[in-house]
N, C-alpha and C. Protein backbone atom coordinates (compact mmCIF):
# COMPACT_ATOMS: atom_id res chain seq x y z
N MET A 1 11.90 4.34 9.52
CA MET A 1 10.62 4.16 10.47
C MET A 1 9.21 4.67 9.81
N LYS A 2 9.82 6.44 9.40
CA LYS A 2 8.69 7.16 8.82
C LYS A 2 7.82 6.35 8.22
N HIS A 3 8.38 5.97 6.78
CA HIS A 3 7.76 5.20 5.96
C HIS A 3 6.85 3.89 6.54
N LEU A 4 7.27 3.26 7.18
CA LEU A 4 5.84 2.34 7.80
C LEU A 4 5.12 2.91 8.50
N LEU A 5 5.30 3.82 8.84
CA LEU A 5 3.68 4.42 9.71
C LEU A 5 2.79 4.91 8.54
N ILE A 6 3.04 5.31 7.64
CA ILE A 6 2.68 5.80 6.24
C ILE A 6 2.29 4.14 5.53
N ALA A 7 2.60 3.37 5.43
CA ALA A 7 2.85 2.50 4.93
C ALA A 7 1.49 1.34 5.46
N ILE A 8 1.42 1.33 6.68
CA ILE A 8 0.67 0.04 7.37
C ILE A 8 -0.69 0.64 7.34
N PRO A 9 -1.01 2.15 7.34
CA PRO A 9 -2.43 2.11 7.37
C PRO A 9 -2.86 2.32 5.87
N VAL A 10 -2.10 2.52 4.86
CA VAL A 10 -2.31 1.84 3.43
C VAL A 10 -2.69 0.86 2.80
N LEU A 11 -1.87 -0.17 4.19
CA LEU A 11 -1.93 -1.60 3.26
C LEU A 11 -2.92 -2.06 3.80
N LEU A 12 -3.49 -1.29 5.03
CA LEU A 12 -4.85 -2.04 5.83
C LEU A 12 -6.29 -1.47 4.96
N LEU A 13 -5.85 -0.04 4.35
CA LEU A 13 -6.93 0.31 3.68
C LEU A 13 -7.37 -0.57 2.34
N ALA A 14 -5.25 -1.14 1.71
CA ALA A 14 -6.26 -1.73 0.53
C ALA A 14 -6.56 -3.00 0.69
N LEU A 15 -6.50 -3.43 1.99
CA LEU A 15 -6.90 -4.87 2.67
C LEU A 15 -8.87 -4.88 2.73
N ALA A 16 -8.90 -3.41 3.35
CA ALA A 16 -10.21 -3.67 3.45
C ALA A 16 -10.94 -3.31 2.36
N LEU A 17 -10.23 -2.74 1.06
CA LEU A 17 -10.99 -2.44 -0.09
C LEU A 17 -11.16 -3.54 -1.12
N TYR A 18 -9.58 -4.35 -0.80
CA TYR A 18 -9.97 -6.34 -1.29
C TYR A 18 -11.45 -6.72 -0.80
N VAL A 19 -11.45 -6.47 0.92
CA VAL A 19 -12.46 -7.33 1.45
C VAL A 19 -13.95 -6.98 0.68
N VAL A 20 -14.54 -5.64 0.96
CA VAL A 20 -15.48 -5.41 0.38
C VAL A 20 -15.64 -5.16 -0.83
N GLY A 21 -14.60 -5.15 -1.82
CA GLY A 21 -14.57 -5.56 -3.12
C GLY A 21 -14.95 -7.08 -3.61
N PHE A 22 -14.43 -8.13 -2.98
CA PHE A 22 -14.51 -9.30 -3.54
C PHE A 22 -15.77 -9.78 -3.10
N GLY A 23 -16.30 -9.37 -1.67
CA GLY A 23 -17.97 -9.36 -1.08
C GLY A 23 -19.12 -8.54 -1.97
N SER A 24 -18.42 -7.80 -2.74
CA SER A 24 -20.18 -7.17 -3.47
C SER A 24 -19.78 -7.35 -4.91
N GLY A 25 -18.25 -8.17 -5.29
CA GLY A 25 -17.93 -8.34 -6.92
C GLY A 25 -18.28 -6.49 -6.96
N ALA A 26 -17.86 -5.57 -6.12
CA ALA A 26 -17.12 -4.54 -6.97
C ALA A 26 -15.83 -4.44 -7.94
N ILE A 27 -15.34 -4.11 -8.78
CA ILE A 27 -13.96 -4.32 -9.39
C ILE A 27 -13.73 -3.33 -9.26
N ALA A 28 -13.87 -1.64 -9.43
CA ALA A 28 -13.40 -0.76 -8.99
C ALA A 28 -12.56 -0.82 -7.32
N LEU A 29 -13.00 -1.30 -6.54
CA LEU A 29 -12.58 -1.34 -5.03
C LEU A 29 -11.62 -2.06 -5.13
N ILE A 30 -11.55 -3.56 -5.74
CA ILE A 30 -10.32 -4.52 -6.17
C ILE A 30 -9.45 -3.59 -6.61
N GLY A 31 -9.63 -2.60 -7.97
CA GLY A 31 -8.75 -1.93 -8.55
C GLY A 31 -8.17 -1.21 -7.92
N ILE A 32 -8.85 -0.19 -6.92
CA ILE A 32 -8.30 0.46 -5.76
C ILE A 32 -7.39 0.64 -5.01
N GLY A 33 -7.71 -0.77 -4.39
CA GLY A 33 -6.78 -1.71 -3.27
C GLY A 33 -5.46 -1.82 -4.19
N ALA A 34 -5.48 -2.63 -4.92
CA ALA A 34 -4.42 -2.80 -6.07
C ALA A 34 -3.42 -1.88 -6.12
N VAL A 35 -3.71 -0.64 -6.49
CA VAL A 35 -2.80 0.30 -6.89
C VAL A 35 -2.56 0.74 -5.03
N LEU A 36 -3.35 0.88 -4.44
CA LEU A 36 -2.71 1.35 -3.35
C LEU A 36 -1.86 0.59 -2.53
N GLU A 37 -1.46 -1.26 -2.92
CA GLU A 37 -0.89 -1.78 -2.29
C GLU A 37 0.54 -1.58 -3.27
N ALA A 38 0.45 -1.37 -4.54
CA ALA A 38 1.55 -1.57 -5.37
C ALA A 38 2.35 0.01 -5.14
N GLY A 39 1.49 0.57 -5.38
CA GLY A 39 2.21 1.83 -4.53
C GLY A 39 2.86 1.97 -2.90
N VAL A 40 2.40 1.06 -2.15
CA VAL A 40 3.19 0.90 -0.85
C VAL A 40 4.81 -0.02 -1.04
N TRP A 41 4.35 -0.80 -1.60
CA TRP A 41 5.40 -1.72 -1.86
C TRP A 41 6.53 -0.93 -2.93
N LEU A 42 6.38 -0.27 -4.08
CA LEU A 42 7.10 0.50 -4.51
C LEU A 42 7.85 1.26 -3.88
N GLY A 43 6.83 1.75 -2.82
CA GLY A 43 7.61 3.05 -1.85
C GLY A 43 8.48 2.34 -0.93
N LEU A 44 8.05 1.40 -0.41
CA LEU A 44 9.07 0.70 0.50
C LEU A 44 10.85 0.62 -0.16
N PHE A 45 10.31 0.11 -1.36
CA PHE A 45 11.54 -0.73 -1.88
C PHE A 45 12.21 0.54 -2.58
N HIS A 46 11.70 1.40 -2.59
CA HIS A 46 12.41 3.07 -3.55
C HIS A 46 12.94 3.53 -1.96
N ALA A 47 12.33 3.74 -1.08
CA ALA A 47 12.68 4.29 0.21
C ALA A 47 14.00 3.51 0.52
N GLY A 48 14.35 1.88 0.88
CA GLY A 48 15.26 1.82 1.05
C GLY A 48 16.64 1.90 -0.10
N ARG A 49 16.40 1.57 -0.86
CA ARG A 49 17.49 1.78 -2.00
C ARG A 49 17.66 3.37 -2.06
N ASN A 50 17.22 4.13 -1.37
CA ASN A 50 17.68 6.01 -1.30
C ASN A 50 18.78 6.58 -0.47
N ARG A 51 18.76 5.27 0.60
CA ARG A 51 19.71 5.77 1.77
C ARG A 51 21.34 5.59 1.48
N THR A 52 21.38 6.91 2.18
CA THR A 52 23.37 7.10 1.84
C THR A 52 23.45 6.49 2.94
N GLY A 53 23.12 6.64 4.52
CA GLY A 53 24.00 6.66 5.63
C GLY A 53 23.88 7.60 6.22
N THR A 54 23.56 8.13 5.86
CA THR A 54 23.86 10.10 6.81
C THR A 54 22.56 10.01 7.62
N ALA A 55 22.56 11.05 8.48
CA ALA A 55 21.02 11.32 8.78
C ALA A 55 20.76 12.24 8.48
């Protein structure tokens, strides 16, 4: 649950960077958005794999 509280705002930021980057043609903003999105997906998959079942 804690990971989702972090992942959702980061994904929204990535989406905002995509919109601004594609609208203005700024390749750097698109790249930063892609890095943020990749980090979220890798973090979510990594977090799910490390669970041991104990609290």
